[in-house]
Amino acid sequence: MKFLADVNIEKPIVDELRKMGYDIEWVAEVNRYMDDMSIFKMAQKENRVLLTNDKDFGEIVFRQKLITTGIVLFRIKGQDVKGKEKLLKRLLSAHSDKIARHFVVVAMDKFRFIPI
């Protein structure tokens, strides 16, 4: 599984995924001024699951009915980086088969998988 981390994803999360051996591009290292549609198209073109804190990608997927490899949206109050890392690791270890072709909402108390 390959990932594209939106510019709003914290560097420690990107670093942790790289340490775990995942192929991950980070928008902040590519072009921090990319708009949401350009980020979406990059993920789509490169067959990457998009990691983001931005709810606008739900609009792109569901209202505009655009296809994606998958999106993981973090909805965690306070933007707790260590908490996000733990949740992402749990998501990848327990549900990696459910990420592709899903819009995954990661909250402190649950994961929600919405088919795309």
N, C-alpha and C. Protein backbone atom coordinates (compact mmCIF):
# COMPACT_ATOMS: atom_id res chain seq x y z
N MET A 1 0.84 -1.17 0.00
CA MET A 1 0.00 0.00 0.00
C MET A 1 0.89 1.24 0.00
N LYS A 2 0.56 2.19 -0.89
CA LYS A 2 1.30 3.44 -0.98
C LYS A 2 0.42 4.58 -0.46
N PHE A 3 1.07 5.59 0.12
CA PHE A 3 0.33 6.70 0.70
C PHE A 3 0.79 8.04 0.14
N LEU A 4 -0.13 8.99 0.18
CA LEU A 4 0.18 10.40 -0.05
C LEU A 4 -0.33 11.14 1.17
N ALA A 5 0.56 11.80 1.89
CA ALA A 5 0.18 12.55 3.08
C ALA A 5 -0.05 14.00 2.69
N ASP A 6 -1.24 14.49 2.98
CA ASP A 6 -1.58 15.88 2.74
C ASP A 6 -0.61 16.77 3.52
N VAL A 7 -0.50 18.02 3.11
CA VAL A 7 0.40 18.96 3.77
C VAL A 7 0.06 19.13 5.25
N ASN A 8 -1.20 18.88 5.61
CA ASN A 8 -1.62 19.06 7.00
C ASN A 8 -1.35 17.84 7.89
N ILE A 9 -0.78 16.80 7.34
CA ILE A 9 -0.40 15.63 8.14
C ILE A 9 0.96 15.93 8.78
N GLU A 10 1.06 15.67 10.04
CA GLU A 10 2.25 16.00 10.80
C GLU A 10 3.44 15.14 10.39
N LYS A 11 4.63 15.77 10.35
CA LYS A 11 5.86 15.09 9.92
C LYS A 11 6.15 13.82 10.72
N PRO A 12 5.94 13.79 12.05
CA PRO A 12 6.22 12.53 12.77
C PRO A 12 5.40 11.34 12.25
N ILE A 13 4.22 11.58 11.75
CA ILE A 13 3.40 10.50 11.18
C ILE A 13 4.02 10.01 9.88
N VAL A 14 4.45 10.94 9.05
CA VAL A 14 5.12 10.59 7.79
C VAL A 14 6.39 9.80 8.10
N ASP A 15 7.18 10.31 9.03
CA ASP A 15 8.43 9.63 9.41
C ASP A 15 8.18 8.23 9.93
N GLU A 16 7.13 8.06 10.74
CA GLU A 16 6.82 6.75 11.31
C GLU A 16 6.43 5.76 10.21
N LEU A 17 5.62 6.19 9.26
CA LEU A 17 5.24 5.30 8.16
C LEU A 17 6.46 4.91 7.32
N ARG A 18 7.37 5.84 7.12
CA ARG A 18 8.60 5.52 6.38
C ARG A 18 9.43 4.50 7.15
N LYS A 19 9.53 4.67 8.48
CA LYS A 19 10.26 3.70 9.30
C LYS A 19 9.64 2.32 9.22
N MET A 20 8.33 2.28 9.07
CA MET A 20 7.61 1.01 8.99
C MET A 20 7.75 0.38 7.60
N GLY A 21 8.38 1.09 6.66
CA GLY A 21 8.64 0.54 5.33
C GLY A 21 7.62 0.91 4.27
N TYR A 22 6.70 1.79 4.59
CA TYR A 22 5.68 2.19 3.61
C TYR A 22 6.23 3.21 2.63
N ASP A 23 5.76 3.12 1.40
CA ASP A 23 6.04 4.09 0.35
C ASP A 23 5.10 5.26 0.58
N ILE A 24 5.65 6.41 1.00
CA ILE A 24 4.80 7.56 1.29
C ILE A 24 5.43 8.83 0.74
N GLU A 25 4.62 9.58 0.03
CA GLU A 25 4.99 10.93 -0.42
C GLU A 25 4.27 11.91 0.48
N TRP A 26 4.92 13.04 0.75
CA TRP A 26 4.33 14.07 1.61
C TRP A 26 4.20 15.35 0.81
N VAL A 27 3.01 15.86 0.69
CA VAL A 27 2.74 17.06 -0.12
C VAL A 27 3.66 18.21 0.31
N ALA A 28 3.97 18.32 1.59
CA ALA A 28 4.85 19.39 2.06
C ALA A 28 6.24 19.31 1.43
N GLU A 29 6.66 18.12 0.99
CA GLU A 29 7.97 17.96 0.35
C GLU A 29 7.86 18.06 -1.18
N VAL A 30 6.67 17.90 -1.70
CA VAL A 30 6.46 17.96 -3.16
C VAL A 30 6.15 19.39 -3.59
N ASN A 31 5.06 19.93 -3.05
CA ASN A 31 4.64 21.31 -3.35
C ASN A 31 3.59 21.70 -2.32
N ARG A 32 4.01 22.40 -1.31
CA ARG A 32 3.11 22.72 -0.20
C ARG A 32 1.96 23.62 -0.59
N TYR A 33 1.97 24.15 -1.82
CA TYR A 33 0.91 25.05 -2.26
C TYR A 33 -0.12 24.37 -3.17
N MET A 34 -0.05 23.05 -3.29
CA MET A 34 -1.01 22.32 -4.12
C MET A 34 -2.43 22.49 -3.56
N ASP A 35 -3.39 22.66 -4.46
CA ASP A 35 -4.78 22.73 -4.00
C ASP A 35 -5.33 21.31 -3.83
N ASP A 36 -6.49 21.22 -3.20
CA ASP A 36 -7.06 19.91 -2.89
C ASP A 36 -7.25 19.03 -4.13
N MET A 37 -7.74 19.61 -5.21
CA MET A 37 -7.99 18.80 -6.42
C MET A 37 -6.68 18.28 -6.99
N SER A 38 -5.62 19.07 -6.96
CA SER A 38 -4.32 18.61 -7.45
C SER A 38 -3.78 17.48 -6.57
N ILE A 39 -3.97 17.60 -5.27
CA ILE A 39 -3.55 16.55 -4.34
C ILE A 39 -4.35 15.27 -4.63
N PHE A 40 -5.66 15.41 -4.80
CA PHE A 40 -6.52 14.27 -5.09
C PHE A 40 -6.07 13.58 -6.37
N LYS A 41 -5.81 14.38 -7.42
CA LYS A 41 -5.40 13.80 -8.71
C LYS A 41 -4.04 13.13 -8.62
N MET A 42 -3.13 13.68 -7.83
CA MET A 42 -1.82 13.05 -7.64
C MET A 42 -1.98 11.68 -6.98
N ALA A 43 -2.79 11.62 -5.93
CA ALA A 43 -3.03 10.35 -5.25
C ALA A 43 -3.65 9.35 -6.21
N GLN A 44 -4.61 9.82 -6.98
CA GLN A 44 -5.30 8.96 -7.95
C GLN A 44 -4.33 8.44 -9.00
N LYS A 45 -3.54 9.33 -9.58
CA LYS A 45 -2.59 8.97 -10.65
C LYS A 45 -1.55 7.97 -10.17
N GLU A 46 -1.08 8.17 -8.93
CA GLU A 46 -0.01 7.32 -8.39
C GLU A 46 -0.54 6.14 -7.58
N ASN A 47 -1.87 5.97 -7.58
CA ASN A 47 -2.51 4.86 -6.87
C ASN A 47 -2.12 4.84 -5.39
N ARG A 48 -2.26 6.02 -4.75
CA ARG A 48 -1.89 6.16 -3.34
C ARG A 48 -3.13 6.44 -2.50
N VAL A 49 -3.13 5.94 -1.29
CA VAL A 49 -4.17 6.25 -0.32
C VAL A 49 -3.80 7.60 0.28
N LEU A 50 -4.76 8.52 0.29
CA LEU A 50 -4.53 9.85 0.80
C LEU A 50 -4.77 9.90 2.30
N LEU A 51 -3.81 10.43 3.05
CA LEU A 51 -3.95 10.68 4.49
C LEU A 51 -4.18 12.18 4.66
N THR A 52 -5.21 12.56 5.41
CA THR A 52 -5.52 13.98 5.55
C THR A 52 -6.25 14.28 6.85
N ASN A 53 -6.23 15.57 7.19
CA ASN A 53 -7.04 16.10 8.29
C ASN A 53 -8.16 16.97 7.73
N ASP A 54 -8.29 17.02 6.41
CA ASP A 54 -9.16 17.95 5.71
C ASP A 54 -10.46 17.28 5.24
N LYS A 55 -11.59 17.71 5.80
CA LYS A 55 -12.89 17.13 5.44
C LYS A 55 -13.30 17.44 4.00
N ASP A 56 -12.65 18.40 3.35
CA ASP A 56 -13.01 18.77 1.97
C ASP A 56 -12.88 17.60 1.00
N PHE A 57 -12.07 16.62 1.31
CA PHE A 57 -11.92 15.48 0.41
C PHE A 57 -13.17 14.62 0.37
N GLY A 58 -13.98 14.67 1.41
CA GLY A 58 -15.28 14.00 1.38
C GLY A 58 -16.16 14.61 0.31
N GLU A 59 -16.13 15.91 0.19
CA GLU A 59 -16.87 16.63 -0.86
C GLU A 59 -16.44 16.16 -2.25
N ILE A 60 -15.13 16.05 -2.44
CA ILE A 60 -14.60 15.64 -3.74
C ILE A 60 -15.08 14.23 -4.09
N VAL A 61 -15.01 13.34 -3.14
CA VAL A 61 -15.35 11.93 -3.38
C VAL A 61 -16.86 11.72 -3.51
N PHE A 62 -17.62 12.24 -2.56
CA PHE A 62 -19.04 11.89 -2.51
C PHE A 62 -19.94 12.83 -3.32
N ARG A 63 -19.68 14.09 -3.32
CA ARG A 63 -20.54 15.01 -4.09
C ARG A 63 -20.16 15.05 -5.55
N GLN A 64 -18.85 15.04 -5.82
CA GLN A 64 -18.41 15.08 -7.20
C GLN A 64 -18.29 13.68 -7.80
N LYS A 65 -18.45 12.68 -6.94
CA LYS A 65 -18.44 11.27 -7.34
C LYS A 65 -17.16 10.88 -8.10
N LEU A 66 -16.03 11.30 -7.57
CA LEU A 66 -14.75 10.96 -8.16
C LEU A 66 -14.18 9.72 -7.47
N ILE A 67 -13.50 8.92 -8.24
CA ILE A 67 -12.95 7.65 -7.75
C ILE A 67 -11.55 7.88 -7.19
N THR A 68 -11.25 7.19 -6.13
CA THR A 68 -9.93 7.29 -5.50
C THR A 68 -9.47 5.92 -5.03
N THR A 69 -8.17 5.81 -4.80
CA THR A 69 -7.61 4.58 -4.25
C THR A 69 -8.10 4.37 -2.83
N GLY A 70 -8.25 5.47 -2.11
CA GLY A 70 -8.72 5.43 -0.73
C GLY A 70 -8.32 6.71 -0.02
N ILE A 71 -9.04 7.04 1.02
CA ILE A 71 -8.75 8.24 1.81
C ILE A 71 -8.88 7.87 3.29
N VAL A 72 -7.91 8.31 4.08
CA VAL A 72 -7.97 8.17 5.53
C VAL A 72 -8.05 9.58 6.09
N LEU A 73 -9.18 9.89 6.71
CA LEU A 73 -9.42 11.20 7.30
C LEU A 73 -9.32 11.11 8.82
N PHE A 74 -8.41 11.88 9.40
CA PHE A 74 -8.29 11.93 10.86
C PHE A 74 -9.26 12.96 11.40
N ARG A 75 -10.11 12.56 12.35
CA ARG A 75 -11.04 13.46 13.04
C ARG A 75 -10.77 13.33 14.53
N ILE A 76 -9.66 13.92 14.95
CA ILE A 76 -9.22 13.79 16.33
C ILE A 76 -9.07 15.19 16.92
N LYS A 77 -9.79 15.46 17.96
CA LYS A 77 -9.73 16.77 18.61
C LYS A 77 -8.34 17.01 19.19
N GLY A 78 -7.87 18.24 19.02
CA GLY A 78 -6.58 18.59 19.58
C GLY A 78 -5.39 18.19 18.73
N GLN A 79 -5.64 17.46 17.67
CA GLN A 79 -4.56 17.05 16.76
C GLN A 79 -3.40 16.37 17.50
N ASP A 80 -3.73 15.42 18.34
CA ASP A 80 -2.76 14.65 19.12
C ASP A 80 -1.94 13.75 18.20
N VAL A 81 -0.70 14.13 17.94
CA VAL A 81 0.14 13.41 16.98
C VAL A 81 0.43 11.98 17.44
N LYS A 82 0.81 11.81 18.69
CA LYS A 82 1.10 10.45 19.20
C LYS A 82 -0.16 9.58 19.14
N GLY A 83 -1.29 10.16 19.46
CA GLY A 83 -2.55 9.43 19.37
C GLY A 83 -2.86 9.02 17.94
N LYS A 84 -2.61 9.92 17.00
CA LYS A 84 -2.83 9.61 15.58
C LYS A 84 -1.92 8.47 15.13
N GLU A 85 -0.66 8.53 15.56
CA GLU A 85 0.28 7.46 15.19
C GLU A 85 -0.23 6.11 15.68
N LYS A 86 -0.65 6.04 16.93
CA LYS A 86 -1.15 4.78 17.50
C LYS A 86 -2.39 4.29 16.75
N LEU A 87 -3.30 5.21 16.46
CA LEU A 87 -4.52 4.83 15.74
C LEU A 87 -4.21 4.36 14.33
N LEU A 88 -3.29 5.04 13.66
CA LEU A 88 -2.92 4.64 12.30
C LEU A 88 -2.27 3.26 12.31
N LYS A 89 -1.41 3.01 13.26
CA LYS A 89 -0.79 1.68 13.38
C LYS A 89 -1.85 0.61 13.61
N ARG A 90 -2.81 0.90 14.49
CA ARG A 90 -3.89 -0.06 14.76
C ARG A 90 -4.73 -0.28 13.50
N LEU A 91 -5.02 0.80 12.78
CA LEU A 91 -5.78 0.68 11.53
C LEU A 91 -5.04 -0.20 10.53
N LEU A 92 -3.76 0.03 10.37
CA LEU A 92 -2.97 -0.73 9.40
C LEU A 92 -2.81 -2.19 9.81
N SER A 93 -2.67 -2.45 11.10
CA SER A 93 -2.48 -3.84 11.52
C SER A 93 -3.78 -4.64 11.52
N ALA A 94 -4.88 -4.00 11.86
CA ALA A 94 -6.14 -4.74 12.00
C ALA A 94 -7.06 -4.63 10.78
N HIS A 95 -6.91 -3.58 9.99
CA HIS A 95 -7.88 -3.34 8.91
C HIS A 95 -7.25 -2.95 7.58
N SER A 96 -6.01 -3.33 7.32
CA SER A 96 -5.35 -2.90 6.08
C SER A 96 -6.12 -3.36 4.84
N ASP A 97 -6.86 -4.45 4.96
CA ASP A 97 -7.63 -4.95 3.83
C ASP A 97 -8.88 -4.12 3.55
N LYS A 98 -9.25 -3.22 4.47
CA LYS A 98 -10.46 -2.42 4.30
C LYS A 98 -10.17 -0.97 3.89
N ILE A 99 -8.90 -0.61 3.71
CA ILE A 99 -8.56 0.78 3.41
C ILE A 99 -8.75 1.11 1.94
N ALA A 100 -8.29 0.24 1.06
CA ALA A 100 -8.42 0.49 -0.38
C ALA A 100 -9.90 0.62 -0.75
N ARG A 101 -10.18 1.60 -1.58
CA ARG A 101 -11.53 1.86 -2.10
C ARG A 101 -12.53 2.23 -1.01
N HIS A 102 -12.01 2.78 0.10
CA HIS A 102 -12.87 3.24 1.19
C HIS A 102 -12.46 4.64 1.62
N PHE A 103 -13.42 5.36 2.13
CA PHE A 103 -13.18 6.61 2.82
C PHE A 103 -13.22 6.23 4.29
N VAL A 104 -12.05 6.27 4.93
CA VAL A 104 -11.92 5.80 6.31
C VAL A 104 -11.84 7.01 7.23
N VAL A 105 -12.73 7.08 8.18
CA VAL A 105 -12.71 8.14 9.18
C VAL A 105 -12.12 7.56 10.46
N VAL A 106 -11.03 8.17 10.90
CA VAL A 106 -10.35 7.72 12.10
C VAL A 106 -10.67 8.68 13.23
N ALA A 107 -11.35 8.18 14.24
CA ALA A 107 -11.66 8.95 15.44
C ALA A 107 -11.02 8.24 16.63
N MET A 108 -10.99 8.90 17.77
CA MET A 108 -10.35 8.30 18.95
C MET A 108 -10.99 6.99 19.37
N ASP A 109 -12.30 6.86 19.18
CA ASP A 109 -12.99 5.68 19.68
C ASP A 109 -13.42 4.68 18.62
N LYS A 110 -13.21 5.01 17.33
CA LYS A 110 -13.65 4.06 16.30
C LYS A 110 -13.08 4.41 14.92
N PHE A 111 -13.19 3.42 14.03
CA PHE A 111 -12.89 3.60 12.62
C PHE A 111 -14.21 3.45 11.87
N ARG A 112 -14.45 4.30 10.91
CA ARG A 112 -15.65 4.16 10.08
C ARG A 112 -15.19 3.97 8.65
N PHE A 113 -15.70 2.91 7.99
CA PHE A 113 -15.31 2.57 6.63
C PHE A 113 -16.51 2.82 5.71
N ILE A 114 -16.35 3.77 4.80
CA ILE A 114 -17.42 4.09 3.86
C ILE A 114 -16.94 3.69 2.48
N PRO A 115 -17.62 2.73 1.84
CA PRO A 115 -17.19 2.31 0.49
C PRO A 115 -17.26 3.48 -0.49
N ILE A 116 -16.29 3.51 -1.37
CA ILE A 116 -16.27 4.56 -2.41
C ILE A 116 -16.75 3.94 -3.71
